[in-house]
C-alpha cells in the first residue's frame, strides 16, 4: 500500500479532529504534510506533534511566535497568515 500525503485544513474543528484520529490510527499509511488552524495554536501544536506533521500554518500571525516555541526542537516548520 502506498503512503498517502495529507493536508488537514483547520485540524482544530470537529471534522479536522476526526480526520486526525483516522490518521493517528494508521500512521504508517499517511505522511502529514500540513496542518492548519486560525486561532487554536495549542491544539494545532498538539496535533502536529501527534501526527508528526512537516509544516503547520496558523492563520492569526499574532500566535506564530508562541506556536514556534511550542514546537521548538520538533523539526516542524511554522508559517502564519491567511
PDB file of N, CA and C in Angstrom:
ATOM      1  N   UNK A   1       0.838  -1.183   0.000  1.00  0.00           N
ATOM      2  CA  UNK A   1       0.000   0.000   0.000  1.00  0.00           C
ATOM      3  C   UNK A   1       0.882   1.244   0.000  1.00  0.00           C
ATOM      4  N   UNK A   2       0.545   2.199  -0.838  1.00  0.00           N
ATOM      5  CA  UNK A   2       1.350   3.412  -0.915  1.00  0.00           C
ATOM      6  C   UNK A   2       0.961   4.395   0.193  1.00  0.00           C
ATOM      7  N   UNK A   3       1.922   5.191   0.594  1.00  0.00           N
ATOM      8  CA  UNK A   3       1.697   6.195   1.629  1.00  0.00           C
ATOM      9  C   UNK A   3       0.984   7.391   1.004  1.00  0.00           C
ATOM     10  N   UNK A   4      -0.060   7.859   1.679  1.00  0.00           N
ATOM     11  CA  UNK A   4      -0.841   8.989   1.190  1.00  0.00           C
ATOM     12  C   UNK A   4      -0.374  10.273   1.865  1.00  0.00           C
ATOM     13  N   UNK A   5      -0.098  11.292   1.069  1.00  0.00           N
ATOM     14  CA  UNK A   5       0.267  12.603   1.594  1.00  0.00           C
ATOM     15  C   UNK A   5      -1.026  13.342   1.944  1.00  0.00           C
ATOM     16  N   UNK A   6      -1.043  13.952   3.156  1.00  0.00           N
ATOM     17  CA  UNK A   6      -2.270  14.541   3.663  1.00  0.00           C
ATOM     18  C   UNK A   6      -2.022  15.961   4.163  1.00  0.00           C
ATOM     19  N   UNK A   7      -2.998  16.822   3.914  1.00  0.00           N
ATOM     20  CA  UNK A   7      -3.053  18.171   4.478  1.00  0.00           C
ATOM     21  C   UNK A   7      -4.423  18.293   5.128  1.00  0.00           C
ATOM     22  N   UNK A   8      -4.458  18.687   6.403  1.00  0.00           N
ATOM     23  CA  UNK A   8      -5.746  18.876   7.080  1.00  0.00           C
ATOM     24  C   UNK A   8      -5.932  20.364   7.334  1.00  0.00           C
ATOM     25  N   UNK A   9      -6.941  20.920   6.689  1.00  0.00           N
ATOM     26  CA  UNK A   9      -7.276  22.327   6.883  1.00  0.00           C
ATOM     27  C   UNK A   9      -8.152  22.441   8.128  1.00  0.00           C
ATOM     28  N   UNK A  10      -7.763  23.278   9.041  1.00  0.00           N
ATOM     29  CA  UNK A  10      -8.442  23.534  10.308  1.00  0.00           C
ATOM     30  C   UNK A  10      -8.596  22.227  11.101  1.00  0.00           C
ATOM     31  N   UNK A  11      -7.457  21.694  11.494  1.00  0.00           N
ATOM     32  CA  UNK A  11      -7.401  20.449  12.253  1.00  0.00           C
ATOM     33  C   UNK A  11      -8.056  20.583  13.631  1.00  0.00           C
ATOM     34  N   UNK A  12      -8.332  21.797  14.060  1.00  0.00           N
ATOM     35  CA  UNK A  12      -8.865  22.038  15.400  1.00  0.00           C
ATOM     36  C   UNK A  12     -10.391  21.981  15.476  1.00  0.00           C
ATOM     37  N   UNK A  13     -11.082  21.824  14.355  1.00  0.00           N
ATOM     38  CA  UNK A  13     -12.544  21.698  14.366  1.00  0.00           C
ATOM     39  C   UNK A  13     -12.925  20.228  14.260  1.00  0.00           C
ATOM     40  N   UNK A  14     -14.177  19.930  14.457  1.00  0.00           N
ATOM     41  CA  UNK A  14     -14.665  18.550  14.547  1.00  0.00           C
ATOM     42  C   UNK A  14     -14.228  17.667  13.377  1.00  0.00           C
ATOM     43  N   UNK A  15     -14.456  18.096  12.165  1.00  0.00           N
ATOM     44  CA  UNK A  15     -14.113  17.263  11.006  1.00  0.00           C
ATOM     45  C   UNK A  15     -12.600  17.078  10.894  1.00  0.00           C
ATOM     46  N   UNK A  16     -11.846  18.121  11.224  1.00  0.00           N
ATOM     47  CA  UNK A  16     -10.390  18.020  11.208  1.00  0.00           C
ATOM     48  C   UNK A  16      -9.885  17.076  12.277  1.00  0.00           C
ATOM     49  N   UNK A  17     -10.504  17.120  13.459  1.00  0.00           N
ATOM     50  CA  UNK A  17     -10.122  16.220  14.540  1.00  0.00           C
ATOM     51  C   UNK A  17     -10.440  14.776  14.186  1.00  0.00           C
ATOM     52  N   UNK A  18     -11.568  14.569  13.511  1.00  0.00           N
ATOM     53  CA  UNK A  18     -11.936  13.219  13.072  1.00  0.00           C
ATOM     54  C   UNK A  18     -10.924  12.689  12.059  1.00  0.00           C
ATOM     55  N   UNK A  19     -10.522  13.536  11.135  1.00  0.00           N
ATOM     56  CA  UNK A  19      -9.504  13.133  10.150  1.00  0.00           C
ATOM     57  C   UNK A  19      -8.190  12.800  10.855  1.00  0.00           C
ATOM     58  N   UNK A  20      -7.825  13.603  11.837  1.00  0.00           N
ATOM     59  CA  UNK A  20      -6.586  13.362  12.591  1.00  0.00           C
ATOM     60  C   UNK A  20      -6.652  12.032  13.328  1.00  0.00           C
ATOM     61  N   UNK A  21      -7.812  11.695  13.882  1.00  0.00           N
ATOM     62  CA  UNK A  21      -7.970  10.418  14.582  1.00  0.00           C
ATOM     63  C   UNK A  21      -7.790   9.238  13.631  1.00  0.00           C
ATOM     64  N   UNK A  22      -8.329   9.353  12.428  1.00  0.00           N
ATOM     65  CA  UNK A  22      -8.166   8.286  11.424  1.00  0.00           C
ATOM     66  C   UNK A  22      -6.691   8.115  11.081  1.00  0.00           C
ATOM     67  N   UNK A  23      -6.007   9.223  10.867  1.00  0.00           N
ATOM     68  CA  UNK A  23      -4.579   9.174  10.531  1.00  0.00           C
ATOM     69  C   UNK A  23      -3.773   8.596  11.683  1.00  0.00           C
ATOM     70  N   UNK A  24      -4.085   9.003  12.898  1.00  0.00           N
ATOM     71  CA  UNK A  24      -3.351   8.512  14.070  1.00  0.00           C
ATOM     72  C   UNK A  24      -3.549   7.017  14.273  1.00  0.00           C
ATOM     73  N   UNK A  25      -4.680   6.487  13.819  1.00  0.00           N
ATOM     74  CA  UNK A  25      -4.941   5.056  13.981  1.00  0.00           C
ATOM     75  C   UNK A  25      -4.154   4.201  12.992  1.00  0.00           C
ATOM     76  N   UNK A  26      -3.659   4.807  11.918  1.00  0.00           N
ATOM     77  CA  UNK A  26      -2.876   4.087  10.900  1.00  0.00           C
ATOM     78  C   UNK A  26      -1.740   4.966  10.395  1.00  0.00           C
ATOM     79  N   UNK A  27      -0.830   5.367  11.274  1.00  0.00           N
ATOM     80  CA  UNK A  27       0.200   6.337  10.874  1.00  0.00           C
ATOM     81  C   UNK A  27       1.127   5.855   9.758  1.00  0.00           C
ATOM     82  N   UNK A  28       1.273   4.559   9.612  1.00  0.00           N
ATOM     83  CA  UNK A  28       2.151   4.028   8.558  1.00  0.00           C
ATOM     84  C   UNK A  28       1.571   4.244   7.163  1.00  0.00           C
ATOM     85  N   UNK A  29       0.297   4.612   7.081  1.00  0.00           N
ATOM     86  CA  UNK A  29      -0.355   4.812   5.791  1.00  0.00           C
ATOM     87  C   UNK A  29      -0.353   6.266   5.325  1.00  0.00           C
ATOM     88  N   UNK A  30       0.080   7.185   6.212  1.00  0.00           N
ATOM     89  CA  UNK A  30      -0.047   8.611   5.904  1.00  0.00           C
ATOM     90  C   UNK A  30       1.235   9.382   6.172  1.00  0.00           C
ATOM     91  N   UNK A  31       1.451  10.392   5.343  1.00  0.00           N
ATOM     92  CA  UNK A  31       2.527  11.371   5.520  1.00  0.00           C
ATOM     93  C   UNK A  31       1.824  12.717   5.658  1.00  0.00           C
ATOM     94  N   UNK A  32       1.799  13.258   6.873  1.00  0.00           N
ATOM     95  CA  UNK A  32       1.087  14.510   7.122  1.00  0.00           C
ATOM     96  C   UNK A  32       1.989  15.676   6.737  1.00  0.00           C
ATOM     97  N   UNK A  33       1.642  16.296   5.637  1.00  0.00           N
ATOM     98  CA  UNK A  33       2.442  17.407   5.120  1.00  0.00           C
ATOM     99  C   UNK A  33       2.152  18.704   5.871  1.00  0.00           C
ATOM    100  N   UNK A  34       0.868  19.044   6.009  1.00  0.00           N
ATOM    101  CA  UNK A  34       0.498  20.340   6.578  1.00  0.00           C
ATOM    102  C   UNK A  34      -0.764  20.236   7.414  1.00  0.00           C
ATOM    103  N   UNK A  35      -0.752  20.948   8.538  1.00  0.00           N
ATOM    104  CA  UNK A  35      -1.943  21.136   9.362  1.00  0.00           C
ATOM    105  C   UNK A  35      -2.161  22.635   9.518  1.00  0.00           C
ATOM    106  N   UNK A  36      -3.422  23.054   9.551  1.00  0.00           N
ATOM    107  CA  UNK A  36      -3.707  24.474   9.726  1.00  0.00           C
ATOM    108  C   UNK A  36      -4.735  24.698  10.841  1.00  0.00           C
ATOM    109  N   UNK A  37      -4.739  25.915  11.364  1.00  0.00           N
ATOM    110  CA  UNK A  37      -5.748  26.399  12.310  1.00  0.00           C
ATOM    111  C   UNK A  37      -5.718  27.910  12.229  1.00  0.00           C
ATOM    112  N   UNK A  38      -6.771  28.546  12.699  1.00  0.00           N
ATOM    113  CA  UNK A  38      -6.775  30.010  12.666  1.00  0.00           C
ATOM    114  C   UNK A  38      -6.303  30.599  13.990  1.00  0.00           C
ATOM    115  N   UNK A  39      -6.886  30.173  15.101  1.00  0.00           N
ATOM    116  CA  UNK A  39      -6.573  30.743  16.411  1.00  0.00           C
ATOM    117  C   UNK A  39      -5.984  29.735  17.398  1.00  0.00           C
ATOM    118  N   UNK A  40      -6.402  28.495  17.324  1.00  0.00           N
ATOM    119  CA  UNK A  40      -6.113  27.488  18.355  1.00  0.00           C
ATOM    120  C   UNK A  40      -4.703  26.924  18.226  1.00  0.00           C
ATOM    121  N   UNK A  41      -3.719  27.738  18.596  1.00  0.00           N
ATOM    122  CA  UNK A  41      -2.326  27.338  18.414  1.00  0.00           C
ATOM    123  C   UNK A  41      -1.926  26.171  19.305  1.00  0.00           C
ATOM    124  N   UNK A  42      -2.497  26.061  20.501  1.00  0.00           N
ATOM    125  CA  UNK A  42      -2.138  24.946  21.382  1.00  0.00           C
ATOM    126  C   UNK A  42      -2.620  23.616  20.806  1.00  0.00           C
ATOM    127  N   UNK A  43      -3.864  23.586  20.332  1.00  0.00           N
ATOM    128  CA  UNK A  43      -4.411  22.375  19.726  1.00  0.00           C
ATOM    129  C   UNK A  43      -3.670  22.038  18.435  1.00  0.00           C
ATOM    130  N   UNK A  44      -3.283  23.057  17.685  1.00  0.00           N
ATOM    131  CA  UNK A  44      -2.519  22.839  16.456  1.00  0.00           C
ATOM    132  C   UNK A  44      -1.169  22.209  16.772  1.00  0.00           C
ATOM    133  N   UNK A  45      -0.493  22.703  17.791  1.00  0.00           N
ATOM    134  CA  UNK A  45       0.805  22.146  18.187  1.00  0.00           C
ATOM    135  C   UNK A  45       0.664  20.694  18.634  1.00  0.00           C
ATOM    136  N   UNK A  46      -0.367  20.407  19.423  1.00  0.00           N
ATOM    137  CA  UNK A  46      -0.592  19.031  19.891  1.00  0.00           C
ATOM    138  C   UNK A  46      -0.827  18.092  18.715  1.00  0.00           C
ATOM    139  N   UNK A  47      -1.670  18.516  17.778  1.00  0.00           N
ATOM    140  CA  UNK A  47      -1.962  17.684  16.610  1.00  0.00           C
ATOM    141  C   UNK A  47      -0.714  17.487  15.758  1.00  0.00           C
ATOM    142  N   UNK A  48       0.072  18.529  15.605  1.00  0.00           N
ATOM    143  CA  UNK A  48       1.286  18.437  14.790  1.00  0.00           C
ATOM    144  C   UNK A  48       2.269  17.427  15.370  1.00  0.00           C
ATOM    145  N   UNK A  49       2.428  17.457  16.672  1.00  0.00           N
ATOM    146  CA  UNK A  49       3.338  16.504  17.321  1.00  0.00           C
ATOM    147  C   UNK A  49       2.779  15.090  17.253  1.00  0.00           C
ATOM    148  N   UNK A  50       1.503  14.965  17.484  1.00  0.00           N
ATOM    149  CA  UNK A  50       0.847  13.641  17.459  1.00  0.00           C
ATOM    150  C   UNK A  50       0.930  12.995  16.084  1.00  0.00           C
ATOM    151  N   UNK A  51       0.744  13.807  15.040  1.00  0.00           N
ATOM    152  CA  UNK A  51       0.695  13.280  13.677  1.00  0.00           C
ATOM    153  C   UNK A  51       2.025  13.391  12.939  1.00  0.00           C
ATOM    154  N   UNK A  52       3.019  13.963  13.615  1.00  0.00           N
ATOM    155  CA  UNK A  52       4.342  14.152  13.013  1.00  0.00           C
ATOM    156  C   UNK A  52       4.261  14.939  11.700  1.00  0.00           C
ATOM    157  N   UNK A  53       3.556  16.061  11.773  1.00  0.00           N
ATOM    158  CA  UNK A  53       3.386  16.923  10.598  1.00  0.00           C
ATOM    159  C   UNK A  53       4.715  17.550  10.201  1.00  0.00           C
ATOM    160  N   UNK A  54       4.835  17.865   8.924  1.00  0.00           N
ATOM    161  CA  UNK A  54       6.031  18.544   8.430  1.00  0.00           C
ATOM    162  C   UNK A  54       5.937  20.055   8.630  1.00  0.00           C
ATOM    163  N   UNK A  55       4.725  20.592   8.451  1.00  0.00           N
ATOM    164  CA  UNK A  55       4.512  22.037   8.495  1.00  0.00           C
ATOM    165  C   UNK A  55       3.175  22.334   9.163  1.00  0.00           C
ATOM    166  N   UNK A  56       3.129  23.433   9.918  1.00  0.00           N
ATOM    167  CA  UNK A  56       1.861  23.946  10.438  1.00  0.00           C
ATOM    168  C   UNK A  56       1.709  25.392   9.993  1.00  0.00           C
ATOM    169  N   UNK A  57       0.453  25.793   9.807  1.00  0.00           N
ATOM    170  CA  UNK A  57       0.153  27.176   9.447  1.00  0.00           C
ATOM    171  C   UNK A  57      -0.919  27.677  10.400  1.00  0.00           C
ATOM    172  N   UNK A  58      -0.618  28.759  11.102  1.00  0.00           N
ATOM    173  CA  UNK A  58      -1.578  29.411  11.992  1.00  0.00           C
ATOM    174  C   UNK A  58      -2.074  30.669  11.291  1.00  0.00           C
ATOM    175  N   UNK A  59      -3.382  30.794  11.157  1.00  0.00           N
ATOM    176  CA  UNK A  59      -3.954  31.926  10.429  1.00  0.00           C
ATOM    177  C   UNK A  59      -3.679  33.262  11.084  1.00  0.00           C
ATOM    178  N   UNK A  60      -3.767  33.313  12.406  1.00  0.00           N
ATOM    179  CA  UNK A  60      -3.532  34.555  13.129  1.00  0.00           C
ATOM    180  C   UNK A  60      -2.037  34.678  13.417  1.00  0.00           C
ATOM    181  N   UNK A  61      -1.391  35.565  12.700  1.00  0.00           N
ATOM    182  CA  UNK A  61       0.069  35.728  12.810  1.00  0.00           C
ATOM    183  C   UNK A  61       0.522  36.112  14.216  1.00  0.00           C
ATOM    184  N   UNK A  62      -0.375  36.641  15.032  1.00  0.00           N
ATOM    185  CA  UNK A  62      -0.021  37.007  16.403  1.00  0.00           C
ATOM    186  C   UNK A  62       0.363  35.784  17.242  1.00  0.00           C
ATOM    187  N   UNK A  63      -0.055  34.592  16.802  1.00  0.00           N
ATOM    188  CA  UNK A  63       0.245  33.356  17.540  1.00  0.00           C
ATOM    189  C   UNK A  63       1.489  32.623  17.015  1.00  0.00           C
ATOM    190  N   UNK A  64       2.114  33.153  15.982  1.00  0.00           N
ATOM    191  CA  UNK A  64       3.228  32.443  15.363  1.00  0.00           C
ATOM    192  C   UNK A  64       4.386  32.186  16.333  1.00  0.00           C
ATOM    193  N   UNK A  65       4.788  33.182  17.086  1.00  0.00           N
ATOM    194  CA  UNK A  65       5.945  33.028  17.970  1.00  0.00           C
ATOM    195  C   UNK A  65       5.708  31.983  19.060  1.00  0.00           C
ATOM    196  N   UNK A  66       4.540  32.026  19.685  1.00  0.00           N
ATOM    197  CA  UNK A  66       4.258  31.050  20.745  1.00  0.00           C
ATOM    198  C   UNK A  66       4.103  29.647  20.158  1.00  0.00           C
ATOM    199  N   UNK A  67       3.537  29.528  18.964  1.00  0.00           N
ATOM    200  CA  UNK A  67       3.438  28.229  18.299  1.00  0.00           C
ATOM    201  C   UNK A  67       4.831  27.698  17.977  1.00  0.00           C
ATOM    202  N   UNK A  68       5.677  28.572  17.460  1.00  0.00           N
ATOM    203  CA  UNK A  68       7.057  28.185  17.150  1.00  0.00           C
ATOM    204  C   UNK A  68       7.778  27.698  18.417  1.00  0.00           C
ATOM    205  N   UNK A  69       7.544  28.376  19.534  1.00  0.00           N
ATOM    206  CA  UNK A  69       8.154  27.981  20.805  1.00  0.00           C
ATOM    207  C   UNK A  69       7.623  26.615  21.261  1.00  0.00           C
ATOM    208  N   UNK A  70       6.316  26.392  21.102  1.00  0.00           N
ATOM    209  CA  UNK A  70       5.719  25.107  21.482  1.00  0.00           C
ATOM    210  C   UNK A  70       6.265  23.942  20.661  1.00  0.00           C
ATOM    211  N   UNK A  71       6.700  24.226  19.442  1.00  0.00           N
ATOM    212  CA  UNK A  71       7.195  23.169  18.552  1.00  0.00           C
ATOM    213  C   UNK A  71       8.716  23.155  18.435  1.00  0.00           C
ATOM    214  N   UNK A  72       9.377  23.965  19.246  1.00  0.00           N
ATOM    215  CA  UNK A  72      10.837  24.065  19.208  1.00  0.00           C
ATOM    216  C   UNK A  72      11.477  22.681  19.365  1.00  0.00           C
ATOM    217  N   UNK A  73      12.424  22.396  18.482  1.00  0.00           N
ATOM    218  CA  UNK A  73      13.143  21.134  18.538  1.00  0.00           C
ATOM    219  C   UNK A  73      12.443  19.973  17.855  1.00  0.00           C
ATOM    220  N   UNK A  74      11.241  20.193  17.347  1.00  0.00           N
ATOM    221  CA  UNK A  74      10.481  19.109  16.713  1.00  0.00           C
ATOM    222  C   UNK A  74      10.807  18.936  15.235  1.00  0.00           C
ATOM    223  N   UNK A  75      11.390  19.966  14.631  1.00  0.00           N
ATOM    224  CA  UNK A  75      11.650  19.917  13.200  1.00  0.00           C
ATOM    225  C   UNK A  75      10.450  20.320  12.359  1.00  0.00           C
ATOM    226  N   UNK A  76       9.357  20.692  13.012  1.00  0.00           N
ATOM    227  CA  UNK A  76       8.147  21.086  12.287  1.00  0.00           C
ATOM    228  C   UNK A  76       8.253  22.564  11.901  1.00  0.00           C
ATOM    229  N   UNK A  77       8.047  22.855  10.631  1.00  0.00           N
ATOM    230  CA  UNK A  77       8.083  24.239  10.134  1.00  0.00           C
ATOM    231  C   UNK A  77       6.817  24.967  10.548  1.00  0.00           C
ATOM    232  N   UNK A  78       6.971  26.234  10.923  1.00  0.00           N
ATOM    233  CA  UNK A  78       5.831  27.052  11.340  1.00  0.00           C
ATOM    234  C   UNK A  78       5.696  28.249  10.396  1.00  0.00           C
ATOM    235  N   UNK A  79       4.494  28.420   9.863  1.00  0.00           N
ATOM    236  CA  UNK A  79       4.174  29.558   8.999  1.00  0.00           C
ATOM    237  C   UNK A  79       2.920  30.232   9.564  1.00  0.00           C
ATOM    238  N   UNK A  80       2.672  31.465   9.130  1.00  0.00           N
ATOM    239  CA  UNK A  80       1.471  32.148   9.607  1.00  0.00           C
ATOM    240  C   UNK A  80       0.899  33.024   8.508  1.00  0.00           C
ATOM    241  N   UNK A  81      -0.337  33.427   8.742  1.00  0.00           N
ATOM    242  CA  UNK A  81      -1.022  34.332   7.821  1.00  0.00           C
ATOM    243  C   UNK A  81      -2.138  33.651   7.095  1.00  0.00           C
ATOM    244  N   UNK A  82      -3.046  34.483   6.644  1.00  0.00           N
ATOM    245  CA  UNK A  82      -4.220  33.962   5.929  1.00  0.00           C
ATOM    246  C   UNK A  82      -4.051  34.234   4.456  1.00  0.00           C
TER     247      UNK A  82
END
